[in-house]
Amino acid sequence: MKNGILGRLQKGTVLGAEGYLFELERRGYIKAGAYVPEVVLDYPNALRQLHREFLRAGSEVMVAFTYYAHRSKLKVIGREKDLEPMNRQALRIAKEISKEGLSSEALAKGENALVAGNICNTWEYDPDNKKKSSEIVRAMYEEQVRWAVEEGVDFIIAETIEYVGEALIALEVIKKSGLPALVTYGATYDKSKDGYEWIEGCKMLEANGADVVGFNCIRGPKTMLPLIEKLRNKVNCYIAAQPVPYHTTKKFPSFQFLKYEKANAFPLYLDRFLCTRFEMASFAKHAKDLGVDYIGICCGGAPHHVRAMAEVLGRTTPASKYSPDMSLHGLLGDETVVKKHEKKFLKKWK
């Protein structure tokens, strides 16, 4: 499709945005721990508003908030009966908001935001019981992908997957639907949970027909960029990078293991490690320079991060009307200080 995800990637960088899970938890609509997107049915207008804010900030993709809206997670909170309504409602809301407008450049071309269906890690895949667990996982993916196709999405994202075997099942189900497939790993450990090097896992996805491969969530800019740099030289397909906006380190490359006063900071103390808008703009710039095709942000991301990323990529977004101008501030009216910080952070991840 000319204006589908592959057509747009052919023209240049696509900016996506996620972070629905954490941002809606911060706003009081999702329970930390379970992280089931009950907001889809309980407070749909809250979800509409966040979609709208990401759209205004420059995201070119409205990702249906069906992350963890699968059988395994709904069972945890006793809402299995809401599985299909939750998925269909999320898909319809994403599609509804996608029509509200993009950057001025995109609007000039007559383009709406794209709509992505979403599937994710199931917590059911077990390489030691591969046959049975694969059947369970496949069935979960098949129903979610079927609903996404019926609701008219443009492509499917399979994300935050830690097993190569599970990612390959997700890819196979998406390919059977006939839609483009963007498949990204959550690189929690040095290797996948079933023992593959991450770059090898991406090459396996490419070999099996994935249109876009890469990484999302789990790692912040500092610890994701080295993986991306390696990946760009090893695959020929489009690549994606959507880090969490947190200061992960060489010692703790995954945000689940960052420490605050000797305890895990994840998830309730992560605010202390949050990246600034300038740092996420820096990530977007460096990712583009490395040849990343689909650039985004994941858990912890907020609209101000997305706007900064869009603007450093040369976009003018609807929210750019309200971009900071500290020269207008009565007490701190010194725009040169802001520019110095901006310049400093744009070098940060080199």
Protein backbone atom coordinates (compact mmCIF):
# COMPACT_ATOMS: atom_id res chain seq x y z
CA MET A 1 0.00 0.00 0.00
CA LYS A 2 1.31 3.39 -1.04
CA ASN A 3 0.48 5.08 2.27
CA GLY A 4 0.75 1.98 4.46
CA ILE A 5 3.60 1.33 6.84
CA LEU A 6 5.91 -0.10 4.16
CA GLY A 7 5.24 2.78 1.79
CA ARG A 8 5.99 5.31 4.51
CA LEU A 9 9.14 3.51 5.62
CA GLN A 10 10.29 3.55 2.01
CA LYS A 11 9.96 7.33 2.03
CA GLY A 12 11.84 7.82 5.30
CA THR A 13 11.76 7.53 9.08
CA VAL A 14 8.45 6.74 10.76
CA LEU A 15 7.91 8.00 14.32
CA GLY A 16 5.81 5.83 16.59
CA ALA A 17 4.88 6.24 20.24
CA GLU A 18 3.85 3.87 22.95
CA GLY A 19 3.94 4.18 26.70
CA TYR A 20 0.18 3.83 27.19
CA LEU A 21 0.61 1.34 30.01
CA PHE A 22 2.79 3.48 32.26
CA GLU A 23 1.24 6.83 31.41
CA LEU A 24 -2.29 5.63 32.12
CA GLU A 25 -1.09 4.04 35.36
CA ARG A 26 0.40 7.40 36.36
CA ARG A 27 -2.94 9.02 35.59
CA GLY A 28 -4.82 6.54 37.77
CA TYR A 29 -6.50 4.32 35.18
CA ILE A 30 -4.38 1.14 35.33
CA LYS A 31 -3.24 -0.95 38.29
CA ALA A 32 0.55 -1.33 38.56
CA GLY A 33 1.38 -4.99 38.95
CA ALA A 34 -1.40 -6.53 36.90
CA TYR A 35 -0.95 -3.93 34.13
CA VAL A 36 -4.11 -5.06 32.34
CA PRO A 37 -5.58 -2.30 30.12
CA GLU A 38 -8.94 -2.19 31.89
CA VAL A 39 -9.09 1.51 31.00
CA VAL A 40 -10.19 0.47 27.49
CA LEU A 41 -13.62 -0.51 28.83
CA ASP A 42 -13.76 1.34 32.15
CA TYR A 43 -12.61 4.82 31.04
CA PRO A 44 -12.41 4.86 27.23
CA ASN A 45 -12.26 8.65 27.09
CA ALA A 46 -9.01 8.61 29.07
CA LEU A 47 -7.53 6.34 26.41
CA ARG A 48 -8.91 8.53 23.62
CA GLN A 49 -7.24 11.55 25.18
CA LEU A 50 -3.83 9.89 25.45
CA HIS A 51 -4.02 8.69 21.84
CA ARG A 52 -4.89 12.26 20.89
CA GLU A 53 -1.94 13.66 22.84
CA PHE A 54 0.53 11.26 21.21
CA LEU A 55 -0.95 12.10 17.82
CA ARG A 56 -0.66 15.85 18.39
CA ALA A 57 2.92 15.36 19.60
CA GLY A 58 3.90 13.76 16.30
CA SER A 59 3.31 10.02 16.46
CA GLU A 60 2.48 8.69 13.01
CA VAL A 61 1.03 5.46 14.38
CA MET A 62 -1.88 4.90 16.74
CA VAL A 63 -1.12 1.57 18.40
CA ALA A 64 -4.28 -0.14 19.62
CA PHE A 65 -3.96 -0.56 23.37
CA THR A 66 -4.28 -4.33 23.38
CA TYR A 67 -0.94 -4.90 25.10
CA TYR A 68 -1.66 -7.46 27.86
CA ALA A 69 -5.27 -7.63 26.71
CA HIS A 70 -4.89 -11.37 26.23
CA ARG A 71 -6.35 -14.43 27.95
CA SER A 72 -3.43 -15.01 30.28
CA LYS A 73 -3.52 -11.50 31.76
CA LEU A 74 -7.30 -11.09 31.90
CA LYS A 75 -7.48 -14.33 33.86
CA VAL A 76 -5.29 -12.74 36.56
CA ILE A 77 -7.99 -10.14 37.29
CA GLY A 78 -11.03 -12.31 36.55
CA ARG A 79 -12.13 -10.51 33.38
CA GLU A 80 -11.81 -13.28 30.77
CA LYS A 81 -15.33 -12.52 29.52
CA ASP A 82 -14.14 -9.06 28.50
CA LEU A 83 -11.41 -10.33 26.19
CA GLU A 84 -13.06 -9.69 22.83
CA PRO A 85 -14.88 -6.47 23.84
CA MET A 86 -11.64 -5.06 25.25
CA ASN A 87 -9.70 -5.84 22.08
CA ARG A 88 -12.34 -4.53 19.70
CA GLN A 89 -12.91 -1.37 21.70
CA ALA A 90 -9.17 -0.61 21.79
CA LEU A 91 -8.87 -1.15 18.05
CA ARG A 92 -11.85 1.09 17.31
CA ILE A 93 -10.59 3.90 19.56
CA ALA A 94 -7.16 3.84 17.90
CA LYS A 95 -8.79 3.99 14.47
CA GLU A 96 -11.13 6.79 15.53
CA ILE A 97 -8.33 9.03 16.81
CA SER A 98 -6.03 8.24 13.86
CA LYS A 99 -8.25 10.41 11.66
CA GLU A 100 -7.78 13.57 13.73
CA GLY A 101 -4.61 14.72 12.02
CA LEU A 102 -0.83 14.46 11.99
CA SER A 103 2.03 16.87 11.46
CA SER A 104 1.52 19.73 9.02
CA GLU A 105 3.75 17.90 6.51
CA ALA A 106 1.66 14.73 6.67
CA LEU A 107 -1.62 16.62 6.51
CA ALA A 108 -0.39 18.38 3.38
CA LYS A 109 -0.03 14.94 1.79
CA GLY A 110 -3.52 13.92 2.91
CA GLU A 111 -2.22 11.27 5.31
CA ASN A 112 -3.86 10.12 8.53
CA ALA A 113 -1.97 8.29 11.22
CA LEU A 114 -1.64 4.58 10.65
CA VAL A 115 -3.36 2.12 12.96
CA ALA A 116 -1.42 -0.83 14.36
CA GLY A 117 -2.83 -3.92 15.97
CA ASN A 118 -0.76 -5.13 18.89
CA ILE A 119 0.20 -8.49 20.35
CA CYS A 120 2.87 -9.12 22.96
CA ASN A 121 4.59 -11.61 25.23
CA THR A 122 2.03 -14.06 26.59
CA TRP A 123 3.76 -15.47 29.70
CA GLU A 124 2.66 -18.88 28.38
CA TYR A 125 5.55 -19.90 26.11
CA ASP A 126 7.76 -22.62 27.58
CA PRO A 127 10.62 -24.10 25.52
CA ASP A 128 10.69 -27.08 27.89
CA ASN A 129 7.09 -27.83 26.94
CA LYS A 130 7.32 -26.41 23.47
CA LYS A 131 4.52 -28.26 21.67
CA LYS A 132 1.77 -27.63 24.19
CA SER A 133 2.81 -24.07 25.08
CA SER A 134 3.16 -23.15 21.40
CA GLU A 135 -0.41 -24.25 20.76
CA ILE A 136 -1.64 -22.02 23.60
CA VAL A 137 0.39 -19.05 22.39
CA ARG A 138 -0.67 -19.50 18.76
CA ALA A 139 -4.35 -19.58 19.70
CA MET A 140 -3.97 -16.39 21.76
CA TYR A 141 -2.24 -14.59 18.89
CA GLU A 142 -4.69 -15.86 16.29
CA GLU A 143 -7.74 -14.42 18.01
CA GLN A 144 -6.12 -11.03 18.65
CA VAL A 145 -4.82 -10.76 15.09
CA ARG A 146 -8.19 -11.83 13.69
CA TRP A 147 -9.98 -9.08 15.60
CA ALA A 148 -7.37 -6.55 14.46
CA VAL A 149 -7.85 -7.54 10.83
CA GLU A 150 -11.65 -7.36 11.15
CA GLU A 151 -11.37 -3.87 12.65
CA GLY A 152 -9.25 -2.67 9.72
CA VAL A 153 -5.73 -2.04 11.07
CA ASP A 154 -2.87 -1.18 8.72
CA PHE A 155 -0.26 -3.50 10.20
CA ILE A 156 0.49 -5.57 13.31
CA ILE A 157 3.13 -4.99 15.97
CA ALA A 158 4.34 -7.99 18.00
CA GLU A 159 6.48 -6.69 20.83
CA THR A 160 8.34 -7.14 24.10
CA ILE A 161 8.93 -10.80 23.29
CA GLU A 162 11.80 -12.48 25.11
CA TYR A 163 11.73 -15.89 23.41
CA VAL A 164 12.76 -16.24 19.76
CA GLY A 165 10.40 -19.21 19.51
CA GLU A 166 7.45 -17.12 20.67
CA ALA A 167 8.39 -14.30 18.29
CA LEU A 168 8.43 -16.71 15.36
CA ILE A 169 4.92 -17.90 16.26
CA ALA A 170 3.72 -14.29 16.40
CA LEU A 171 5.31 -13.60 13.02
CA GLU A 172 3.75 -16.66 11.42
CA VAL A 173 0.28 -15.67 12.65
CA ILE A 174 0.69 -12.10 11.37
CA LYS A 175 1.98 -13.23 7.98
CA LYS A 176 -1.05 -15.50 7.57
CA SER A 177 -3.26 -12.44 8.05
CA GLY A 178 -1.65 -10.78 5.03
CA LEU A 179 -0.66 -7.66 6.98
CA PRO A 180 2.87 -6.24 7.39
CA ALA A 181 4.65 -7.46 10.51
CA LEU A 182 6.79 -5.37 12.88
CA VAL A 183 8.34 -7.70 15.47
CA THR A 184 10.51 -6.43 18.32
CA TYR A 185 12.26 -8.17 21.18
CA GLY A 186 12.42 -7.08 24.79
CA ALA A 187 16.13 -7.61 25.48
CA THR A 188 15.98 -8.14 29.23
CA TYR A 189 19.05 -10.37 29.36
CA ASP A 190 22.20 -10.79 27.26
CA LYS A 191 20.44 -13.48 25.22
CA SER A 192 16.86 -14.51 24.58
CA LYS A 193 15.27 -16.74 27.21
CA ASP A 194 15.61 -19.65 24.80
CA GLY A 195 19.32 -19.06 24.34
CA TYR A 196 19.70 -17.06 21.11
CA GLU A 197 21.91 -14.03 20.57
CA TRP A 198 19.60 -11.08 19.97
CA ILE A 199 21.02 -10.25 16.55
CA GLU A 200 20.67 -13.90 15.54
CA GLY A 201 17.03 -13.78 16.67
CA CYS A 202 16.41 -10.72 14.50
CA LYS A 203 18.02 -12.41 11.50
CA MET A 204 15.73 -15.39 12.02
CA LEU A 205 12.72 -13.08 11.97
CA GLU A 206 13.94 -11.45 8.75
CA ALA A 207 14.50 -14.85 7.16
CA ASN A 208 10.92 -15.82 8.02
CA GLY A 209 9.39 -12.74 6.40
CA ALA A 210 9.27 -10.00 9.05
CA ASP A 211 9.03 -6.56 7.45
CA VAL A 212 10.53 -4.73 10.43
CA VAL A 213 12.64 -6.17 13.26
CA GLY A 214 14.33 -4.68 16.29
CA PHE A 215 13.88 -3.91 19.96
CA ASN A 216 11.36 -2.19 22.19
CA CYS A 217 10.89 -1.54 25.89
CA ILE A 218 13.19 -2.94 28.63
CA ARG A 219 16.32 -0.96 27.69
CA GLY A 220 16.86 2.77 27.81
CA PRO A 221 18.64 4.72 25.05
CA LYS A 222 22.14 4.14 26.42
CA THR A 223 21.85 0.35 26.46
CA MET A 224 19.63 -0.07 23.39
CA LEU A 225 21.70 1.93 20.91
CA PRO A 226 24.67 -0.51 20.90
CA LEU A 227 22.28 -3.35 20.00
CA ILE A 228 20.74 -1.27 17.24
CA GLU A 229 24.13 -0.36 15.82
CA LYS A 230 25.02 -4.07 15.57
CA LEU A 231 21.64 -4.94 14.12
CA ARG A 232 21.77 -2.38 11.31
CA ASN A 233 24.85 -4.09 9.88
CA LYS A 234 23.36 -7.59 10.05
CA VAL A 235 19.89 -7.34 8.47
CA ASN A 236 18.61 -5.81 5.24
CA CYS A 237 15.01 -5.25 6.30
CA TYR A 238 13.68 -2.19 8.12
CA ILE A 239 14.65 -1.93 11.78
CA ALA A 240 12.84 -0.48 14.80
CA ALA A 241 14.01 0.95 18.11
CA GLN A 242 11.61 1.98 20.89
CA PRO A 243 13.46 2.28 24.20
CA VAL A 244 12.06 3.13 27.60
CA PRO A 245 12.96 6.71 28.61
CA TYR A 246 15.03 5.66 31.61
CA HIS A 247 18.72 5.84 32.47
CA THR A 248 19.69 2.20 32.16
CA THR A 249 23.37 1.44 32.65
CA LYS A 250 26.06 -1.03 31.70
CA LYS A 251 25.59 -2.67 35.10
CA PHE A 252 21.79 -2.62 34.81
CA PRO A 253 20.98 -2.58 31.06
CA SER A 254 17.32 -3.44 31.71
CA PHE A 255 15.04 -1.07 33.61
CA GLN A 256 13.49 -3.86 35.69
CA PHE A 257 16.77 -4.18 37.58
CA LEU A 258 17.67 -0.54 38.23
CA LYS A 259 18.23 -0.06 41.97
CA TYR A 260 16.87 2.58 44.30
CA GLU A 261 18.16 2.32 47.87
CA LYS A 262 19.19 -1.30 47.21
CA ALA A 263 15.70 -2.32 46.08
CA ASN A 264 14.37 -2.62 42.54
CA ALA A 265 13.22 0.76 41.26
CA PHE A 266 10.79 -0.96 38.89
CA PRO A 267 8.06 0.09 38.65
CA LEU A 268 7.21 2.56 41.41
CA TYR A 269 10.52 4.38 41.84
CA LEU A 270 11.45 4.70 38.19
CA ASP A 271 10.67 8.42 38.17
CA ARG A 272 14.12 9.01 39.62
CA PHE A 273 15.68 7.57 36.45
CA LEU A 274 13.48 9.31 33.86
CA CYS A 275 15.11 10.83 30.79
CA THR A 276 14.42 14.43 29.85
CA ARG A 277 12.76 15.47 26.60
CA PHE A 278 16.19 16.61 25.35
CA GLU A 279 17.69 13.18 26.00
CA MET A 280 14.93 11.43 24.08
CA ALA A 281 15.39 13.91 21.23
CA SER A 282 19.07 12.98 21.31
CA PHE A 283 18.16 9.30 21.10
CA ALA A 284 15.91 9.93 18.07
CA LYS A 285 18.67 11.85 16.30
CA HIS A 286 21.29 9.17 16.93
CA ALA A 287 18.90 6.37 15.99
CA LYS A 288 18.18 8.05 12.67
CA ASP A 289 21.90 8.55 12.05
CA LEU A 290 22.42 4.82 12.68
CA GLY A 291 19.82 3.99 10.06
CA VAL A 292 16.85 3.11 12.26
CA ASP A 293 13.67 3.23 10.18
CA TYR A 294 10.96 3.08 12.86
CA ILE A 295 11.82 5.23 15.87
CA GLY A 296 9.67 5.43 18.97
CA ILE A 297 9.41 5.30 22.73
CA CYS A 298 7.93 2.75 25.11
CA CYS A 299 6.93 2.42 28.79
CA GLY A 300 7.42 5.69 30.62
CA GLY A 301 7.12 7.76 27.47
CA ALA A 302 4.89 10.83 27.52
CA PRO A 303 3.74 13.33 24.89
CA HIS A 304 6.47 15.87 25.70
CA HIS A 305 9.09 13.24 24.88
CA VAL A 306 7.38 12.43 21.59
CA ARG A 307 7.12 16.07 20.55
CA ALA A 308 10.84 16.64 21.21
CA MET A 309 11.67 13.51 19.18
CA ALA A 310 9.46 14.65 16.30
CA GLU A 311 10.96 18.11 16.23
CA VAL A 312 14.56 16.89 16.19
CA LEU A 313 13.56 14.73 13.21
CA GLY A 314 12.45 17.91 11.45
CA ARG A 315 8.69 17.64 11.92
CA THR A 316 6.25 20.37 12.87
CA THR A 317 3.49 18.83 14.97
CA PRO A 318 0.15 20.27 16.09
CA ALA A 319 1.64 20.44 19.61
CA SER A 320 4.61 22.43 18.31
CA LYS A 321 2.50 25.55 18.65
CA TYR A 322 3.12 25.19 22.38
CA SER A 323 6.78 24.14 22.34
CA PRO A 324 8.81 25.85 25.08
CA ASP A 325 10.03 29.41 24.66
CA MET A 326 11.70 30.41 27.92
CA SER A 327 12.39 33.91 26.64
CA LEU A 328 8.73 34.57 27.46
CA HIS A 329 9.11 33.63 31.13
CA GLY A 330 8.99 36.53 33.57
CA LEU A 331 11.59 35.20 36.01
CA LEU A 332 13.66 32.74 33.98
CA GLY A 333 13.48 34.38 30.59
CA ASP A 334 16.78 33.21 29.17
CA GLU A 335 16.37 31.09 26.06
CA THR A 336 20.15 30.79 25.63
CA VAL A 337 20.34 28.51 28.68
CA VAL A 338 17.75 26.18 27.14
CA LYS A 339 19.62 26.11 23.85
CA LYS A 340 22.87 25.23 25.63
CA HIS A 341 21.17 22.32 27.41
CA GLU A 342 19.58 21.18 24.17
CA LYS A 343 22.95 21.20 22.42
CA LYS A 344 24.57 19.31 25.30
CA PHE A 345 21.95 16.56 25.39
CA LEU A 346 21.98 16.08 21.62
CA LYS A 347 25.52 14.73 22.10
CA LYS A 348 24.58 12.57 25.08
CA TRP A 349 24.33 9.09 23.63
CA LYS A 350 27.41 9.21 21.38
